[in-house]
């Protein structure tokens, strides 16, 4: 009877020790995965899209900072708007329903896709 108790205690201790060892191995694998993820994110290139419109131009700041232009596109954009009366005898201050808003200045918007 005494031999059975000692044998069962030895099996119980062996189970506990073996379970602790596997959890330690898992922690090491997780740390290695974190290092690999950090290394791959550093190797990836950064991309950014910026827009300049109505005569603004600040692309030289980005180029001096080490960014390269991958793609450049431009399109028309309305820079300012103006209000005009709908009819000749319309008073825009008293009757706001007769006010029409029209484009005043039309400029160009430049879109740059940058990579570093």
N, C-alpha and C. Protein backbone atom coordinates (compact mmCIF):
# COMPACT_ATOMS: atom_id res chain seq x y z
N UNK A 1 0.82 -1.19 0.00
CA UNK A 1 0.00 0.00 0.00
C UNK A 1 0.87 1.26 0.00
N UNK A 2 1.91 1.21 0.78
CA UNK A 2 2.83 2.33 0.88
C UNK A 2 3.54 2.56 -0.44
N UNK A 3 3.83 1.51 -1.16
CA UNK A 3 4.50 1.61 -2.46
C UNK A 3 3.57 2.28 -3.47
N UNK A 4 2.28 2.00 -3.43
CA UNK A 4 1.31 2.59 -4.36
C UNK A 4 1.21 4.10 -4.12
N UNK A 5 1.21 4.53 -2.85
CA UNK A 5 1.13 5.97 -2.53
C UNK A 5 2.37 6.70 -3.07
N UNK A 6 3.54 6.13 -2.86
CA UNK A 6 4.77 6.77 -3.33
C UNK A 6 4.81 6.81 -4.86
N UNK A 7 4.36 5.73 -5.48
CA UNK A 7 4.33 5.68 -6.95
C UNK A 7 3.37 6.72 -7.52
N UNK A 8 2.21 6.88 -6.89
CA UNK A 8 1.24 7.89 -7.37
C UNK A 8 1.78 9.30 -7.15
N UNK A 9 2.51 9.53 -6.05
CA UNK A 9 3.09 10.85 -5.82
C UNK A 9 4.17 11.17 -6.86
N UNK A 10 4.96 10.16 -7.21
CA UNK A 10 5.99 10.35 -8.22
C UNK A 10 5.37 10.69 -9.57
N UNK A 11 4.28 10.02 -9.94
CA UNK A 11 3.59 10.30 -11.20
C UNK A 11 3.01 11.71 -11.19
N UNK A 12 2.42 12.11 -10.06
CA UNK A 12 1.84 13.44 -9.94
C UNK A 12 2.92 14.52 -10.08
N UNK A 13 4.05 14.34 -9.45
CA UNK A 13 5.16 15.30 -9.54
C UNK A 13 5.70 15.36 -10.98
N UNK A 14 5.80 14.21 -11.63
CA UNK A 14 6.28 14.17 -13.01
C UNK A 14 5.34 14.92 -13.94
N UNK A 15 4.04 14.78 -13.73
CA UNK A 15 3.05 15.49 -14.55
C UNK A 15 3.18 16.99 -14.34
N UNK A 16 3.30 17.41 -13.10
CA UNK A 16 3.43 18.84 -12.82
C UNK A 16 4.71 19.42 -13.43
N UNK A 17 5.80 18.72 -13.31
CA UNK A 17 7.05 19.22 -13.88
C UNK A 17 7.01 19.27 -15.39
N UNK A 18 6.40 18.29 -16.01
CA UNK A 18 6.35 18.30 -17.47
C UNK A 18 5.43 19.41 -17.99
N UNK A 19 4.37 19.73 -17.27
CA UNK A 19 3.49 20.81 -17.72
C UNK A 19 4.16 22.16 -17.57
N UNK A 20 4.97 22.35 -16.57
CA UNK A 20 5.69 23.61 -16.40
C UNK A 20 6.71 23.81 -17.52
N UNK A 21 7.34 22.76 -17.94
CA UNK A 21 8.35 22.85 -18.98
C UNK A 21 7.73 23.28 -20.31
N UNK A 22 6.55 22.78 -20.66
CA UNK A 22 5.93 23.16 -21.93
C UNK A 22 5.49 24.62 -21.92
N UNK A 23 5.06 25.13 -20.77
CA UNK A 23 4.66 26.54 -20.74
C UNK A 23 5.88 27.44 -20.90
N UNK A 24 7.02 27.05 -20.39
CA UNK A 24 8.24 27.84 -20.55
C UNK A 24 8.65 27.87 -22.02
N UNK A 25 8.55 26.75 -22.71
CA UNK A 25 8.89 26.69 -24.13
C UNK A 25 7.96 27.58 -24.94
N UNK A 26 6.69 27.62 -24.61
CA UNK A 26 5.74 28.47 -25.34
C UNK A 26 6.09 29.94 -25.19
N UNK A 27 6.51 30.34 -23.98
CA UNK A 27 6.88 31.74 -23.77
C UNK A 27 8.08 32.12 -24.63
N UNK A 28 9.04 31.23 -24.77
CA UNK A 28 10.21 31.50 -25.61
C UNK A 28 9.80 31.68 -27.06
N UNK A 29 8.87 30.84 -27.54
CA UNK A 29 8.40 30.95 -28.92
C UNK A 29 7.67 32.27 -29.15
N UNK A 30 6.89 32.69 -28.18
CA UNK A 30 6.15 33.95 -28.31
C UNK A 30 7.13 35.12 -28.40
N UNK A 31 8.18 35.11 -27.60
CA UNK A 31 9.17 36.19 -27.64
C UNK A 31 9.88 36.22 -29.00
N UNK A 32 10.18 35.05 -29.54
CA UNK A 32 10.83 35.00 -30.86
C UNK A 32 9.91 35.54 -31.94
N UNK A 33 8.61 35.24 -31.86
CA UNK A 33 7.66 35.76 -32.84
C UNK A 33 7.57 37.27 -32.77
N UNK A 34 7.58 37.83 -31.56
CA UNK A 34 7.52 39.28 -31.42
C UNK A 34 8.74 39.94 -32.06
N UNK A 35 9.91 39.35 -31.90
CA UNK A 35 11.12 39.91 -32.53
C UNK A 35 11.00 39.87 -34.04
N UNK A 36 10.48 38.77 -34.60
CA UNK A 36 10.33 38.66 -36.05
C UNK A 36 9.34 39.68 -36.59
N UNK A 37 8.26 39.92 -35.86
CA UNK A 37 7.25 40.89 -36.30
C UNK A 37 7.86 42.29 -36.32
N UNK A 38 8.62 42.64 -35.28
CA UNK A 38 9.26 43.96 -35.23
C UNK A 38 10.25 44.14 -36.37
N UNK A 39 10.99 43.11 -36.71
CA UNK A 39 11.97 43.22 -37.79
C UNK A 39 11.29 43.40 -39.14
N UNK A 40 10.16 42.74 -39.37
CA UNK A 40 9.49 42.88 -40.65
C UNK A 40 8.83 44.24 -40.79
N UNK A 41 8.31 44.82 -39.71
CA UNK A 41 7.71 46.14 -39.82
C UNK A 41 8.76 47.20 -40.10
N UNK A 42 9.96 47.03 -39.58
CA UNK A 42 11.03 47.99 -39.88
C UNK A 42 11.47 47.89 -41.33
N UNK A 43 11.36 46.69 -41.92
CA UNK A 43 11.79 46.51 -43.29
C UNK A 43 10.77 47.05 -44.29
N UNK A 44 9.51 47.20 -43.85
CA UNK A 44 8.48 47.70 -44.76
C UNK A 44 8.71 49.18 -45.05
N UNK A 45 8.33 49.59 -46.24
CA UNK A 45 8.48 50.99 -46.62
C UNK A 45 7.22 51.74 -46.24
N UNK A 46 7.40 52.99 -45.89
CA UNK A 46 6.27 53.83 -45.49
C UNK A 46 5.74 54.54 -46.72
N UNK A 47 4.42 54.64 -46.81
CA UNK A 47 3.78 55.37 -47.91
C UNK A 47 2.85 56.42 -47.35
N UNK A 48 2.72 57.51 -48.11
CA UNK A 48 1.88 58.61 -47.67
C UNK A 48 1.32 59.32 -48.90
N UNK A 49 0.09 59.80 -48.79
CA UNK A 49 -0.51 60.58 -49.87
C UNK A 49 -0.74 61.99 -49.33
N UNK A 50 -0.25 62.99 -50.04
CA UNK A 50 -0.46 64.37 -49.64
C UNK A 50 -1.06 65.15 -50.80
N UNK A 51 -1.78 66.21 -50.45
CA UNK A 51 -2.45 67.04 -51.45
C UNK A 51 -2.10 68.50 -51.21
N UNK A 52 -1.82 69.21 -52.30
CA UNK A 52 -1.60 70.65 -52.28
C UNK A 52 -2.56 71.27 -53.29
N UNK A 53 -3.26 72.32 -52.87
CA UNK A 53 -4.23 72.91 -53.79
C UNK A 53 -4.14 74.43 -53.79
N UNK A 54 -4.60 75.00 -54.87
CA UNK A 54 -4.74 76.45 -55.04
C UNK A 54 -3.41 77.19 -54.86
N UNK A 55 -2.39 76.72 -55.50
CA UNK A 55 -1.11 77.42 -55.49
C UNK A 55 -0.17 77.04 -54.36
N UNK A 56 -0.62 76.23 -53.40
CA UNK A 56 0.28 75.78 -52.34
C UNK A 56 1.25 74.76 -52.92
N UNK A 57 2.47 74.79 -52.43
CA UNK A 57 3.43 73.78 -52.86
C UNK A 57 4.44 73.58 -51.75
N UNK A 58 4.37 72.42 -51.09
CA UNK A 58 5.30 72.10 -50.02
C UNK A 58 5.97 70.76 -50.24
N UNK A 59 5.99 70.31 -51.48
CA UNK A 59 6.55 69.00 -51.78
C UNK A 59 8.06 68.97 -51.56
N UNK A 60 8.72 70.11 -51.70
CA UNK A 60 10.18 70.14 -51.54
C UNK A 60 10.59 69.78 -50.12
N UNK A 61 9.76 70.11 -49.12
CA UNK A 61 10.07 69.74 -47.74
C UNK A 61 10.12 68.22 -47.59
N UNK A 62 9.19 67.54 -48.22
CA UNK A 62 9.13 66.08 -48.13
C UNK A 62 10.29 65.44 -48.90
N UNK A 63 10.62 66.00 -50.05
CA UNK A 63 11.73 65.47 -50.84
C UNK A 63 13.06 65.64 -50.11
N UNK A 64 13.22 66.76 -49.43
CA UNK A 64 14.44 66.99 -48.65
C UNK A 64 14.52 66.06 -47.45
N UNK A 65 13.36 65.60 -46.98
CA UNK A 65 13.30 64.70 -45.83
C UNK A 65 13.53 63.24 -46.21
N UNK A 66 13.71 62.96 -47.50
CA UNK A 66 14.03 61.60 -47.93
C UNK A 66 12.88 60.85 -48.59
N UNK A 67 11.76 61.51 -48.83
CA UNK A 67 10.63 60.86 -49.49
C UNK A 67 10.84 60.86 -51.00
N UNK A 68 10.32 59.84 -51.68
CA UNK A 68 10.39 59.74 -53.13
C UNK A 68 8.96 59.77 -53.69
N UNK A 69 8.78 60.42 -54.83
CA UNK A 69 7.46 60.50 -55.46
C UNK A 69 7.23 59.23 -56.28
N UNK A 70 6.18 58.49 -55.93
CA UNK A 70 5.81 57.31 -56.70
C UNK A 70 4.82 57.67 -57.80
N UNK A 71 3.87 58.54 -57.47
CA UNK A 71 2.83 58.90 -58.42
C UNK A 71 2.42 60.34 -58.18
N UNK A 72 2.18 61.06 -59.27
CA UNK A 72 1.76 62.45 -59.19
C UNK A 72 0.52 62.62 -60.05
N UNK A 73 -0.50 63.28 -59.51
CA UNK A 73 -1.75 63.47 -60.23
C UNK A 73 -2.23 64.89 -59.95
N UNK A 74 -2.97 65.47 -60.90
CA UNK A 74 -3.52 66.80 -60.68
C UNK A 74 -4.94 66.86 -61.23
N UNK A 75 -5.73 67.71 -60.58
CA UNK A 75 -7.11 67.90 -61.03
C UNK A 75 -7.57 69.32 -60.67
N UNK A 76 -8.61 69.78 -61.33
CA UNK A 76 -9.13 71.11 -61.06
C UNK A 76 -9.88 71.12 -59.74
N UNK A 77 -9.76 72.24 -59.03
CA UNK A 77 -10.46 72.40 -57.76
C UNK A 77 -10.89 73.85 -57.62
N UNK A 78 -12.03 74.05 -57.02
CA UNK A 78 -12.52 75.41 -56.78
C UNK A 78 -11.85 75.93 -55.51
N UNK A 79 -11.16 77.06 -55.64
CA UNK A 79 -10.42 77.61 -54.51
C UNK A 79 -11.29 78.55 -53.66
N UNK A 80 -12.04 79.44 -54.31
CA UNK A 80 -12.90 80.37 -53.57
C UNK A 80 -14.27 80.44 -54.23
N UNK A 81 -15.25 80.84 -53.44
CA UNK A 81 -16.62 80.99 -53.90
C UNK A 81 -17.06 82.42 -53.72
N UNK A 82 -18.01 82.87 -54.51
CA UNK A 82 -18.56 84.22 -54.35
C UNK A 82 -20.08 84.15 -54.43
N UNK A 83 -20.72 85.09 -53.76
CA UNK A 83 -22.18 85.16 -53.76
C UNK A 83 -22.62 86.27 -54.71
N UNK A 84 -23.60 85.96 -55.55
CA UNK A 84 -24.13 86.95 -56.51
C UNK A 84 -25.65 86.91 -56.43
N UNK A 85 -26.31 88.04 -56.75
CA UNK A 85 -27.77 88.05 -56.75
C UNK A 85 -28.34 87.25 -57.92
N UNK A 86 -29.46 86.59 -57.69
CA UNK A 86 -30.07 85.76 -58.73
C UNK A 86 -30.71 86.62 -59.82
N UNK A 87 -31.26 87.76 -59.42
CA UNK A 87 -31.88 88.68 -60.40
C UNK A 87 -31.31 90.08 -60.17
N UNK A 88 -31.63 91.00 -61.08
CA UNK A 88 -31.10 92.36 -60.99
C UNK A 88 -31.67 93.12 -59.79
N UNK A 89 -32.92 92.91 -59.47
CA UNK A 89 -33.55 93.68 -58.40
C UNK A 89 -33.55 92.91 -57.06
N UNK A 90 -32.67 91.95 -56.90
CA UNK A 90 -32.57 91.14 -55.68
C UNK A 90 -31.67 91.84 -54.67
N UNK A 91 -32.13 91.97 -53.42
CA UNK A 91 -31.33 92.52 -52.33
C UNK A 91 -30.85 91.33 -51.48
N UNK A 92 -29.58 91.01 -51.59
CA UNK A 92 -29.05 89.79 -50.94
C UNK A 92 -29.06 89.89 -49.42
N UNK A 93 -28.96 91.11 -48.86
CA UNK A 93 -28.95 91.25 -47.41
C UNK A 93 -30.32 91.03 -46.80
N UNK A 94 -31.38 91.46 -47.50
CA UNK A 94 -32.73 91.30 -46.97
C UNK A 94 -33.34 89.96 -47.35
N UNK A 95 -33.16 89.54 -48.58
CA UNK A 95 -33.77 88.31 -49.08
C UNK A 95 -32.67 87.30 -49.39
N UNK A 96 -32.42 86.42 -48.44
CA UNK A 96 -31.33 85.47 -48.62
C UNK A 96 -31.67 84.37 -49.62
N UNK A 97 -32.91 84.23 -49.97
CA UNK A 97 -33.31 83.21 -50.93
C UNK A 97 -32.91 83.54 -52.36
N UNK A 98 -32.55 84.79 -52.62
CA UNK A 98 -32.18 85.13 -53.99
C UNK A 98 -30.66 85.18 -54.18
N UNK A 99 -29.92 84.71 -53.18
CA UNK A 99 -28.46 84.71 -53.28
C UNK A 99 -28.00 83.39 -53.91
N UNK A 100 -27.10 83.48 -54.89
CA UNK A 100 -26.52 82.31 -55.56
C UNK A 100 -25.02 82.30 -55.28
N UNK A 101 -24.52 81.16 -54.95
CA UNK A 101 -23.09 81.02 -54.72
C UNK A 101 -22.46 80.37 -55.96
N UNK A 102 -21.42 81.05 -56.48
CA UNK A 102 -20.75 80.58 -57.70
C UNK A 102 -19.25 80.46 -57.43
N UNK A 103 -18.58 79.62 -58.18
CA UNK A 103 -17.12 79.55 -58.04
C UNK A 103 -16.47 80.86 -58.47
N UNK A 104 -15.50 81.30 -57.68
CA UNK A 104 -14.78 82.53 -58.00
C UNK A 104 -13.44 82.20 -58.64
N UNK A 105 -12.60 81.46 -57.95
CA UNK A 105 -11.29 81.08 -58.48
C UNK A 105 -11.24 79.57 -58.63
N UNK A 106 -10.76 79.13 -59.77
CA UNK A 106 -10.56 77.71 -60.01
C UNK A 106 -9.06 77.47 -60.12
N UNK A 107 -8.57 76.57 -59.29
CA UNK A 107 -7.14 76.29 -59.28
C UNK A 107 -6.89 74.82 -59.56
N UNK A 108 -5.71 74.40 -59.21
CA UNK A 108 -5.31 73.03 -59.47
C UNK A 108 -4.91 72.37 -58.15
N UNK A 109 -5.36 71.14 -57.96
CA UNK A 109 -4.98 70.36 -56.79
C UNK A 109 -4.01 69.27 -57.24
N UNK A 110 -2.86 69.21 -56.59
CA UNK A 110 -1.86 68.20 -56.92
C UNK A 110 -1.85 67.15 -55.82
N UNK A 111 -1.89 65.89 -56.24
CA UNK A 111 -1.89 64.77 -55.32
C UNK A 111 -0.62 63.96 -55.54
N UNK A 112 0.14 63.76 -54.47
CA UNK A 112 1.38 63.02 -54.56
C UNK A 112 1.30 61.76 -53.70
N UNK A 113 1.77 60.65 -54.24
CA UNK A 113 1.93 59.42 -53.49
C UNK A 113 3.42 59.28 -53.22
N UNK A 114 3.80 59.32 -51.94
CA UNK A 114 5.21 59.33 -51.55
C UNK A 114 5.57 58.02 -50.85
N UNK A 115 6.85 57.66 -50.94
CA UNK A 115 7.36 56.45 -50.30
C UNK A 115 8.72 56.76 -49.69
N UNK A 116 8.94 56.20 -48.51
CA UNK A 116 10.22 56.44 -47.83
C UNK A 116 10.87 55.11 -47.52
